C-alpha atoms as a PDB file:
ATOM      1  CA  MET A   1     -12.151   6.723 -17.934  1.00  0.00           C
ATOM      2  CA  SER A   2     -15.291   4.709 -18.265  1.00  0.00           C
ATOM      3  CA  ASP A   3     -16.707   2.188 -15.736  1.00  0.00           C
ATOM      4  CA  GLY A   4     -17.838  -0.678 -18.080  1.00  0.00           C
ATOM      5  CA  ASP A   5     -19.085  -3.901 -16.988  1.00  0.00           C
ATOM      6  CA  MET A   6     -15.794  -5.043 -14.069  1.00  0.00           C
ATOM      7  CA  ALA A   7     -17.886  -7.414 -12.213  1.00  0.00           C
ATOM      8  CA  GLY A   8     -16.283 -10.753 -11.300  1.00  0.00           C
ATOM      9  CA  PRO A   9     -17.656 -13.674  -9.039  1.00  0.00           C
ATOM     10  CA  GLY A  10     -18.462 -11.862  -6.082  1.00  0.00           C
ATOM     11  CA  LEU A  11     -17.637  -8.797  -6.602  1.00  0.00           C
ATOM     12  CA  ALA A  12     -19.932  -5.246  -7.150  1.00  0.00           C
ATOM     13  CA  PRO A  13     -18.734  -3.126 -10.309  1.00  0.00           C
ATOM     14  CA  ILE A  14     -15.701  -0.931  -9.490  1.00  0.00           C
ATOM     15  CA  ASP A  15     -17.371   2.363  -9.502  1.00  0.00           C
ATOM     16  CA  LEU A  16     -14.300   5.062 -10.899  1.00  0.00           C
ATOM     17  CA  GLU A  17     -16.111   7.862 -10.523  1.00  0.00           C
ATOM     18  CA  ALA A  18     -16.599   7.215  -7.018  1.00  0.00           C
ATOM     19  CA  LEU A  19     -12.824   6.462  -6.186  1.00  0.00           C
ATOM     20  CA  TRP A  20     -11.484   8.946  -8.402  1.00  0.00           C
ATOM     21  CA  ALA A  21     -13.700  11.435  -6.104  1.00  0.00           C
ATOM     22  CA  LYS A  22     -11.614   9.708  -2.913  1.00  0.00           C
ATOM     23  CA  VAL A  23      -8.419  10.352  -4.907  1.00  0.00           C
ATOM     24  CA  ARG A  24      -9.580  13.978  -5.391  1.00  0.00           C
ATOM     25  CA  GLN A  25      -9.849  14.175  -1.145  1.00  0.00           C
ATOM     26  CA  SER A  26      -6.147  13.040  -0.413  1.00  0.00           C
ATOM     27  CA  SER A  27      -2.943  14.896  -0.272  1.00  0.00           C
ATOM     28  CA  PHE A  28      -2.101  12.138  -2.688  1.00  0.00           C
ATOM     29  CA  TYR A  29      -4.034  13.653  -5.284  1.00  0.00           C
ATOM     30  CA  ALA A  30      -1.961  16.973  -5.111  1.00  0.00           C
ATOM     31  CA  ALA A  31       1.178  15.102  -6.449  1.00  0.00           C
ATOM     32  CA  MET A  32      -1.351  13.914  -9.188  1.00  0.00           C
ATOM     33  CA  ARG A  33      -2.942  16.779 -10.024  1.00  0.00           C
ATOM     34  CA  SER A  34       0.888  17.694 -10.785  1.00  0.00           C
ATOM     35  CA  MET A  35       1.838  15.487 -13.262  1.00  0.00           C
ATOM     36  CA  PRO A  36       0.842  15.254 -17.077  1.00  0.00           C
ATOM     37  CA  ALA A  37      -2.774  13.532 -17.956  1.00  0.00           C
ATOM     38  CA  LYS A  38      -1.706  10.481 -19.615  1.00  0.00           C
ATOM     39  CA  GLU A  39       0.874   9.752 -16.573  1.00  0.00           C
ATOM     40  CA  ARG A  40      -2.310  10.986 -13.927  1.00  0.00           C
ATOM     41  CA  GLU A  41      -4.701   8.829 -16.058  1.00  0.00           C
ATOM     42  CA  ALA A  42      -1.611   5.619 -15.384  1.00  0.00           C
ATOM     43  CA  MET A  43      -1.768   6.529 -11.739  1.00  0.00           C
ATOM     44  CA  PHE A  44      -5.230   6.354 -10.733  1.00  0.00           C
ATOM     45  CA  ALA A  45      -5.632   3.104 -13.020  1.00  0.00           C
ATOM     46  CA  ILE A  46      -3.333   1.690 -10.618  1.00  0.00           C
ATOM     47  CA  TYR A  47      -4.964   3.177  -7.447  1.00  0.00           C
ATOM     48  CA  ALA A  48      -7.908   1.488  -8.971  1.00  0.00           C
ATOM     49  CA  PHE A  49      -7.185  -1.643  -9.063  1.00  0.00           C
ATOM     50  CA  CYS A  50      -4.885  -1.975  -6.057  1.00  0.00           C
ATOM     51  CA  ARG A  51      -7.897  -0.609  -4.149  1.00  0.00           C
ATOM     52  CA  ALA A  52     -10.338  -3.295  -5.932  1.00  0.00           C
ATOM     53  CA  VAL A  53      -8.522  -6.587  -5.373  1.00  0.00           C
ATOM     54  CA  ASP A  54      -7.672  -4.808  -1.473  1.00  0.00           C
ATOM     55  CA  ASP A  55     -11.268  -4.846  -0.625  1.00  0.00           C
ATOM     56  CA  ILE A  56     -11.586  -8.065  -1.574  1.00  0.00           C
ATOM     57  CA  ALA A  57      -9.355  -9.132   0.900  1.00  0.00           C
ATOM     58  CA  ASP A  58     -10.007  -6.388   3.591  1.00  0.00           C
ATOM     59  CA  ASP A  59     -14.126  -6.515   3.297  1.00  0.00           C
ATOM     60  CA  GLN A  60     -14.291  -9.810   4.641  1.00  0.00           C
ATOM     61  CA  GLN A  61     -17.625 -10.800   2.274  1.00  0.00           C
ATOM     62  CA  GLY A  62     -18.155 -14.145   1.522  1.00  0.00           C
ATOM     63  CA  ASP A  63     -16.046 -16.982   2.523  1.00  0.00           C
ATOM     64  CA  ARG A  64     -12.578 -17.629   2.115  1.00  0.00           C
ATOM     65  CA  ALA A  65     -13.548 -19.603  -1.051  1.00  0.00           C
ATOM     66  CA  GLU A  66     -15.700 -16.770  -2.054  1.00  0.00           C
ATOM     67  CA  ARG A  67     -12.696 -14.794  -1.781  1.00  0.00           C
ATOM     68  CA  THR A  68     -10.243 -16.314  -3.557  1.00  0.00           C
ATOM     69  CA  GLN A  69     -13.266 -16.654  -6.768  1.00  0.00           C
ATOM     70  CA  ALA A  70     -12.990 -12.943  -6.816  1.00  0.00           C
ATOM     71  CA  LEU A  71      -9.118 -12.540  -6.727  1.00  0.00           C
ATOM     72  CA  ASN A  72      -8.819 -15.419  -9.437  1.00  0.00           C
ATOM     73  CA  GLN A  73     -10.944 -13.473 -11.780  1.00  0.00           C
ATOM     74  CA  TRP A  74      -8.756 -10.630 -11.771  1.00  0.00           C
ATOM     75  CA  ARG A  75      -6.093 -13.275 -12.133  1.00  0.00           C
ATOM     76  CA  ALA A  76      -8.076 -14.632 -15.024  1.00  0.00           C
ATOM     77  CA  ASP A  77      -8.481 -10.522 -16.643  1.00  0.00           C
ATOM     78  CA  LEU A  78      -4.903 -10.303 -16.437  1.00  0.00           C
ATOM     79  CA  ASP A  79      -4.410 -13.369 -18.674  1.00  0.00           C
ATOM     80  CA  GLN A  80      -6.384 -11.673 -20.832  1.00  0.00           C
ATOM     81  CA  LEU A  81      -4.702  -8.148 -20.519  1.00  0.00           C
ATOM     82  CA  TYR A  82      -1.609  -9.719 -21.714  1.00  0.00           C
ATOM     83  CA  ALA A  83      -3.075 -11.660 -24.293  1.00  0.00           C
ATOM     84  CA  GLY A  84      -3.659  -8.722 -26.086  1.00  0.00           C
ATOM     85  CA  GLN A  85      -7.863  -8.528 -25.788  1.00  0.00           C
ATOM     86  CA  THR A  86      -9.974  -7.157 -23.810  1.00  0.00           C
ATOM     87  CA  PRO A  87     -10.586  -8.085 -20.121  1.00  0.00           C
ATOM     88  CA  SER A  88     -14.213  -7.697 -18.745  1.00  0.00           C
ATOM     89  CA  GLN A  89     -12.763  -5.790 -15.407  1.00  0.00           C
ATOM     90  CA  ALA A  90      -9.588  -4.634 -15.928  1.00  0.00           C
ATOM     91  CA  ALA A  91     -10.407  -2.827 -19.193  1.00  0.00           C
ATOM     92  CA  PHE A  92      -9.087   0.450 -17.390  1.00  0.00           C
ATOM     93  CA  LEU A  93      -5.622  -0.912 -17.404  1.00  0.00           C
ATOM     94  CA  VAL A  94      -4.994  -1.626 -21.123  1.00  0.00           C
ATOM     95  CA  LYS A  95      -4.123   1.850 -22.248  1.00  0.00           C
ATOM     96  CA  PRO A  96      -1.601   2.091 -19.055  1.00  0.00           C
ATOM     97  CA  VAL A  97       0.093  -0.748 -19.336  1.00  0.00           C
ATOM     98  CA  ALA A  98       0.599  -0.321 -23.203  1.00  0.00           C
ATOM     99  CA  ASP A  99       1.704   2.997 -22.462  1.00  0.00           C
ATOM    100  CA  PHE A 100       4.261   2.678 -19.658  1.00  0.00           C
ATOM    101  CA  ASP A 101       4.846  -1.095 -20.463  1.00  0.00           C
ATOM    102  CA  LEU A 102       3.620  -2.108 -16.780  1.00  0.00           C
ATOM    103  CA  GLU A 103       4.822  -5.456 -15.931  1.00  0.00           C
ATOM    104  CA  ARG A 104       2.312  -8.174 -15.413  1.00  0.00           C
ATOM    105  CA  ALA A 105       4.631  -9.938 -12.025  1.00  0.00           C
ATOM    106  CA  ASP A 106       3.785  -6.227 -10.042  1.00  0.00           C
ATOM    107  CA  PHE A 107       0.210  -6.595 -10.684  1.00  0.00           C
ATOM    108  CA  GLU A 108      -0.047 -10.595  -9.962  1.00  0.00           C
ATOM    109  CA  ALA A 109       2.285  -9.998  -6.986  1.00  0.00           C
ATOM    110  CA  ILE A 110      -0.332  -7.992  -5.642  1.00  0.00           C
ATOM    111  CA  ILE A 111      -2.729 -10.278  -6.021  1.00  0.00           C
ATOM    112  CA  ASP A 112      -0.378 -12.349  -4.142  1.00  0.00           C
ATOM    113  CA  GLY A 113      -0.512 -10.493  -1.641  1.00  0.00           C
ATOM    114  CA  MET A 114      -3.861 -10.070  -1.061  1.00  0.00           C
ATOM    115  CA  GLN A 115      -4.457 -13.987  -1.359  1.00  0.00           C
ATOM    116  CA  MET A 116      -2.452 -13.866   2.107  1.00  0.00           C
ATOM    117  CA  ASP A 117      -4.792 -12.287   3.944  1.00  0.00           C
ATOM    118  CA  VAL A 118      -7.748 -14.570   2.268  1.00  0.00           C
ATOM    119  CA  ASP A 119      -6.099 -17.653   2.765  1.00  0.00           C
ATOM    120  CA  ALA A 120      -5.329 -17.051   6.491  1.00  0.00           C
ATOM    121  CA  ASP A 121      -5.978 -13.904   9.274  1.00  0.00           C
ATOM    122  CA  ILE A 122      -1.938 -12.963   9.404  1.00  0.00           C
ATOM    123  CA  VAL A 123      -0.741 -13.267  13.544  1.00  0.00           C
ATOM    124  CA  ALA A 124       2.976 -12.635  14.530  1.00  0.00           C
ATOM    125  CA  PRO A 125       4.711 -13.762  10.724  1.00  0.00           C
ATOM    126  CA  ASP A 126       8.116 -14.140  11.107  1.00  0.00           C
ATOM    127  CA  HIS A 127      10.344 -11.373   9.956  1.00  0.00           C
ATOM    128  CA  ALA A 128      10.620 -12.873   6.294  1.00  0.00           C
ATOM    129  CA  THR A 129       6.713 -13.398   5.854  1.00  0.00           C
ATOM    130  CA  LEU A 130       6.296  -9.788   6.978  1.00  0.00           C
ATOM    131  CA  ASP A 131       9.254  -8.720   4.128  1.00  0.00           C
ATOM    132  CA  LEU A 132       7.230 -10.268   1.569  1.00  0.00           C
ATOM    133  CA  TYR A 133       3.847  -9.313   2.377  1.00  0.00           C
ATOM    134  CA  CYS A 134       5.062  -5.460   2.825  1.00  0.00           C
ATOM    135  CA  ASP A 135       6.452  -6.226  -0.830  1.00  0.00           C
ATOM    136  CA  ARG A 136       3.653  -7.563  -2.273  1.00  0.00           C
ATOM    137  CA  VAL A 137       0.959  -5.401  -1.450  1.00  0.00           C
ATOM    138  CA  ALA A 138       2.884  -2.366  -1.037  1.00  0.00           C
ATOM    139  CA  SER A 139       6.435  -2.419  -2.827  1.00  0.00           C
ATOM    140  CA  ALA A 140       5.144  -4.216  -6.065  1.00  0.00           C
ATOM    141  CA  VAL A 141       2.304  -0.620  -6.480  1.00  0.00           C
ATOM    142  CA  GLY A 142       5.302   1.085  -6.044  1.00  0.00           C
ATOM    143  CA  ARG A 143       7.475  -0.845  -8.930  1.00  0.00           C
ATOM    144  CA  LEU A 144       4.008  -0.360 -11.220  1.00  0.00           C
ATOM    145  CA  SER A 145       4.711   3.324 -10.451  1.00  0.00           C
ATOM    146  CA  VAL A 146       8.006   3.707 -10.693  1.00  0.00           C
ATOM    147  CA  LYS A 147       7.366   3.546 -14.225  1.00  0.00           C
ATOM    148  CA  VAL A 148       5.243   5.818 -14.750  1.00  0.00           C
ATOM    149  CA  PHE A 149       7.139   8.760 -12.864  1.00  0.00           C
ATOM    150  CA  GLY A 150      10.013   7.855 -15.346  1.00  0.00           C
ATOM    151  CA  MET A 151      12.733   6.549 -13.632  1.00  0.00           C
ATOM    152  CA  GLU A 152      15.439   4.292 -14.840  1.00  0.00           C
ATOM    153  CA  ARG A 153      14.981   0.757 -14.147  1.00  0.00           C
ATOM    154  CA  GLN A 154      17.244   0.318 -11.316  1.00  0.00           C
ATOM    155  CA  GLY A 155      16.689   3.282  -9.005  1.00  0.00           C
ATOM    156  CA  GLY A 156      13.053   2.651  -9.356  1.00  0.00           C
ATOM    157  CA  ILE A 157      13.010  -0.462  -8.263  1.00  0.00           C
ATOM    158  CA  ASP A 158      15.479   0.241  -5.112  1.00  0.00           C
ATOM    159  CA  LEU A 159      13.036   3.391  -4.279  1.00  0.00           C
ATOM    160  CA  ALA A 160       9.812   0.705  -4.651  1.00  0.00           C
ATOM    161  CA  HIS A 161      11.902  -1.549  -2.585  1.00  0.00           C
ATOM    162  CA  HIS A 162      12.433   1.201   0.344  1.00  0.00           C
ATOM    163  CA  LEU A 163       9.491   3.117   0.464  1.00  0.00           C
ATOM    164  CA  GLY A 164       6.756   0.615   0.020  1.00  0.00           C
ATOM    165  CA  ARG A 165       7.941  -1.341   3.088  1.00  0.00           C
ATOM    166  CA  ALA A 166       8.335   1.835   5.143  1.00  0.00           C
ATOM    167  CA  LEU A 167       5.103   3.207   3.834  1.00  0.00           C
ATOM    168  CA  GLN A 168       3.298  -0.462   4.729  1.00  0.00           C
ATOM    169  CA  LEU A 169       5.135  -1.075   7.841  1.00  0.00           C
ATOM    170  CA  THR A 170       4.150   2.756   9.032  1.00  0.00           C
ATOM    171  CA  ASN A 171       0.785   1.418   8.272  1.00  0.00           C
ATOM    172  CA  ILE A 172       0.709  -1.458   9.997  1.00  0.00           C
ATOM    173  CA  LEU A 173       2.238  -0.108  13.439  1.00  0.00           C
ATOM    174  CA  ARG A 174      -0.971   2.696  12.832  1.00  0.00           C
ATOM    175  CA  ASP A 175      -3.414   0.517  12.771  1.00  0.00           C
ATOM    176  CA  LEU A 176      -2.278  -1.972  15.129  1.00  0.00           C
ATOM    177  CA  ASP A 177      -6.143  -1.652  16.408  1.00  0.00           C
ATOM    178  CA  GLU A 178      -8.362  -1.835  13.169  1.00  0.00           C
ATOM    179  CA  ASP A 179      -6.238  -5.327  12.542  1.00  0.00           C
ATOM    180  CA  ALA A 180      -6.514  -6.439  16.181  1.00  0.00           C
ATOM    181  CA  ASP A 181     -10.376  -6.143  15.420  1.00  0.00           C
ATOM    182  CA  ILE A 182     -10.397  -7.970  12.667  1.00  0.00           C
ATOM    183  CA  GLY A 183      -8.176 -11.110  13.657  1.00  0.00           C
ATOM    184  CA  ARG A 184      -4.863  -9.975  12.421  1.00  0.00           C
ATOM    185  CA  LEU A 185      -1.714  -9.212  14.004  1.00  0.00           C
ATOM    186  CA  TYR A 186       1.125  -7.781  11.183  1.00  0.00           C
ATOM    187  CA  VAL A 187       3.522  -7.040  14.185  1.00  0.00           C
ATOM    188  CA  SER A 188       6.426  -9.780  13.559  1.00  0.00           C
ATOM    189  CA  SER A 189       6.676 -12.650  16.230  1.00  0.00           C
ATOM    190  CA  ASP A 190      10.489 -11.687  15.767  1.00  0.00           C
ATOM    191  CA  ALA A 191      10.176  -7.863  17.885  1.00  0.00           C
ATOM    192  CA  LEU A 192       7.238  -9.531  19.797  1.00  0.00           C
ATOM    193  CA  ALA A 193      10.351 -11.822  21.112  1.00  0.00           C
ATOM    194  CA  VAL A 194      12.363  -8.908  21.961  1.00  0.00           C
ATOM    195  CA  ALA A 195       9.726  -7.753  24.010  1.00  0.00           C
ATOM    196  CA  GLU A 196       9.267 -11.209  25.547  1.00  0.00           C
ATOM    197  CA  LEU A 197       5.666 -10.554  24.416  1.00  0.00           C
ATOM    198  CA  PRO A 198       4.199 -14.116  23.830  1.00  0.00           C
ATOM    199  CA  VAL A 199       2.405 -14.752  20.841  1.00  0.00           C
ATOM    200  CA  SER A 200      -1.373 -15.034  21.214  1.00  0.00           C
ATOM    201  CA  ASP A 201      -4.946 -13.336  19.848  1.00  0.00           C
ATOM    202  CA  PRO A 202      -4.481 -10.096  18.445  1.00  0.00           C
ATOM    203  CA  LYS A 203      -6.458  -8.308  20.819  1.00  0.00           C
ATOM    204  CA  THR A 204      -4.473  -9.432  23.745  1.00  0.00           C
ATOM    205  CA  VAL A 205      -1.030  -8.814  22.140  1.00  0.00           C
ATOM    206  CA  VAL A 206      -1.844  -5.050  21.459  1.00  0.00           C
ATOM    207  CA  ALA A 207      -3.462  -4.272  24.922  1.00  0.00           C
ATOM    208  CA  ASP A 208      -0.137  -5.398  26.289  1.00  0.00           C
ATOM    209  CA  PRO A 209       2.209  -2.405  27.128  1.00  0.00           C
ATOM    210  CA  ARG A 210       5.146  -4.810  26.011  1.00  0.00           C
ATOM    211  CA  ILE A 211       3.934  -3.878  22.463  1.00  0.00           C
ATOM    212  CA  ASP A 212       5.422  -0.780  22.833  1.00  0.00           C
ATOM    213  CA  ILE A 213       8.288  -2.296  22.487  1.00  0.00           C
ATOM    214  CA  ALA A 214       8.077  -4.992  19.592  1.00  0.00           C
ATOM    215  CA  ALA A 215       6.479  -2.048  17.853  1.00  0.00           C
ATOM    216  CA  ARG A 216       9.226   0.335  18.220  1.00  0.00           C
ATOM    217  CA  GLN A 217      11.865  -2.611  16.482  1.00  0.00           C
ATOM    218  CA  ILE A 218       9.189  -2.712  13.237  1.00  0.00           C
ATOM    219  CA  ALA A 219       9.991   1.275  13.800  1.00  0.00           C
ATOM    220  CA  ILE A 220      13.398   0.983  13.277  1.00  0.00           C
ATOM    221  CA  VAL A 221      13.681  -1.107  10.066  1.00  0.00           C
ATOM    222  CA  ALA A 222      10.749   1.018   8.858  1.00  0.00           C
ATOM    223  CA  ASN A 223      13.010   4.278   9.750  1.00  0.00           C
ATOM    224  CA  GLY A 224      15.792   2.564   7.820  1.00  0.00           C
ATOM    225  CA  HIS A 225      13.768   2.355   4.586  1.00  0.00           C
ATOM    226  CA  TYR A 226      12.500   5.904   4.494  1.00  0.00           C
ATOM    227  CA  GLU A 227      16.438   6.611   5.139  1.00  0.00           C
ATOM    228  CA  ALA A 228      17.562   4.543   2.170  1.00  0.00           C
ATOM    229  CA  ALA A 229      14.179   6.043  -0.361  1.00  0.00           C
ATOM    230  CA  ASP A 230      15.267   9.406   0.420  1.00  0.00           C
ATOM    231  CA  LYS A 231      18.789   8.599  -0.570  1.00  0.00           C
ATOM    232  CA  VAL A 232      17.725   7.351  -3.630  1.00  0.00           C
ATOM    233  CA  MET A 233      15.531  10.209  -4.595  1.00  0.00           C
ATOM    234  CA  ARG A 234      17.842  12.963  -3.964  1.00  0.00           C
ATOM    235  CA  SER A 235      19.888  11.107  -6.760  1.00  0.00           C
ATOM    236  CA  ALA A 236      17.430   9.724  -9.303  1.00  0.00           C
ATOM    237  CA  LYS A 237      15.501  11.975 -12.210  1.00  0.00           C
ATOM    238  CA  GLY A 238      11.891  11.687 -13.187  1.00  0.00           C
ATOM    239  CA  GLN A 239       8.333  12.783 -11.810  1.00  0.00           C
ATOM    240  CA  LEU A 240       9.092  12.334  -8.103  1.00  0.00           C
ATOM    241  CA  LYS A 241       6.569  14.468  -6.184  1.00  0.00           C
ATOM    242  CA  ALA A 242       4.287  11.565  -5.491  1.00  0.00           C
ATOM    243  CA  PRO A 243       6.853   9.314  -4.372  1.00  0.00           C
ATOM    244  CA  ARG A 244       8.769  12.380  -1.997  1.00  0.00           C
ATOM    245  CA  LEU A 245       5.074  13.400  -0.666  1.00  0.00           C
ATOM    246  CA  MET A 246       4.149  10.072   0.395  1.00  0.00           C
ATOM    247  CA  GLY A 247       7.706   9.809   2.114  1.00  0.00           C
ATOM    248  CA  ALA A 248       7.182  13.084   4.027  1.00  0.00           C
ATOM    249  CA  ALA A 249       3.930  13.060   5.355  1.00  0.00           C
ATOM    250  CA  TYR A 250       4.202   9.258   6.477  1.00  0.00           C
ATOM    251  CA  GLY A 251       7.520   9.727   8.036  1.00  0.00           C
ATOM    252  CA  ARG A 252       5.851  12.135   9.879  1.00  0.00           C
ATOM    253  CA  ILE A 253       3.527  10.126  11.271  1.00  0.00           C
ATOM    254  CA  LEU A 254       6.010   7.717  12.031  1.00  0.00           C
ATOM    255  CA  LYS A 255       7.704  10.559  14.097  1.00  0.00           C
ATOM    256  CA  HIS A 256       4.288  10.785  15.967  1.00  0.00           C
ATOM    257  CA  MET A 257       3.908   7.551  16.816  1.00  0.00           C
ATOM    258  CA  LEU A 258       7.677   7.031  18.490  1.00  0.00           C
ATOM    259  CA  ALA A 259       6.682  10.393  20.411  1.00  0.00           C
ATOM    260  CA  GLU A 260       3.412   8.781  21.824  1.00  0.00           C
ATOM    261  CA  GLY A 261       4.486   5.239  21.446  1.00  0.00           C
ATOM    262  CA  TRP A 262       2.478   2.580  21.085  1.00  0.00           C
ATOM    263  CA  LYS A 263       1.258   1.437  24.870  1.00  0.00           C
ATOM    264  CA  PRO A 264      -2.537   0.899  25.009  1.00  0.00           C
ATOM    265  CA  PRO A 265      -4.993   3.418  25.144  1.00  0.00           C
ATOM    266  CA  ARG A 266      -3.913   4.203  21.962  1.00  0.00           C
ATOM    267  CA  ARG A 267      -4.827   6.616  19.132  1.00  0.00           C
ATOM    268  CA  ARG A 268      -4.811   6.457  15.830  1.00  0.00           C
ATOM    269  CA  ILE A 269      -2.260   9.182  14.270  1.00  0.00           C
ATOM    270  CA  SER A 270      -2.754  11.736  11.753  1.00  0.00           C
ATOM    271  CA  LEU A 271      -1.344  15.156  10.251  1.00  0.00           C
ATOM    272  CA  SER A 272      -3.041  17.846  11.147  1.00  0.00           C
ATOM    273  CA  LYS A 273      -3.974  20.709   8.244  1.00  0.00           C
ATOM    274  CA  GLY A 274      -1.350  22.202   9.472  1.00  0.00           C
ATOM    275  CA  GLU A 275       1.414  19.677   8.798  1.00  0.00           C
ATOM    276  CA  LYS A 276      -0.537  18.354   5.618  1.00  0.00           C
ATOM    277  CA  LEU A 277       0.253  22.047   4.325  1.00  0.00           C
ATOM    278  CA  TRP A 278       3.389  22.167   5.044  1.00  0.00           C
ATOM    279  CA  VAL A 279       4.152  19.162   3.395  1.00  0.00           C
ATOM    280  CA  LEU A 280       2.613  20.129   0.042  1.00  0.00           C
ATOM    281  CA  VAL A 281       4.304  23.537   0.201  1.00  0.00           C
ATOM    282  CA  ARG A 282       7.576  21.985   1.153  1.00  0.00           C
ATOM    283  CA  TYR A 283       7.539  19.691  -1.663  1.00  0.00           C
ATOM    284  CA  GLY A 284       6.240  22.501  -4.451  1.00  0.00           C
ATOM    285  CA  LEU A 285       2.977  21.247  -4.737  1.00  0.00           C
ATOM    286  CA  MET A 286       1.266  24.727  -3.877  1.00  0.00           C
ATOM    287  CA  PRO A 287       1.768  28.194  -4.864  1.00  0.00           C
END
């Protein structure tokens, strides 16, 4: 897979080799490695797209207008891609889109999610806005992925809906302090209201012990999505090692966070090497 000229306004060229090296270091790579070559390459292409647009939203390089311009360049590339032309940045998506009939709406949704972060720092959104954000930045990725996994349409949509939200909510709860440092707070205003914790600047909110009550409200929603995703996967057909691995690993992270709570001071939870090995063995990704 060649890098090509993938730089747009405000963007450095995408280094696909560096991205591939990063994937190889992740637990997710074990699941990718078990997939046939065509499917593995398609998953990597989806990952590369997500990484590229996510970096625009999160690296905070340039002002909001410049970052919007960079996202709009990706929209223009999608125009070219789906018109049968060769896009400047997204050439690496041409074959996966053709092989697996990946839908433009899902790529657009991911960009729309990143645009939410670029338009303004998200602070205590209401439940509906948080759910929309999770759909765009996580479940849309799932809708692309389940096509590569070979799932039936409705089962795939259901899995993407639930597992995407479960993973994103888990990340939100794990990254409270990192997000607050850049002026963001994804814990919903609804959850803060249950905790009787007023909405204020993110650092003040996450320093308040009542954040534990609010975080547990989000954890309840996440657990419900994990359970629904697991139910889908028990009856679904397709190459499901990757989503099973992600669900198991992030579900264990959420379990650890629930045990420790979210009262400050917090530590960022990650799985031990032993737990990672257990998950890999459990899902047949290691002998």
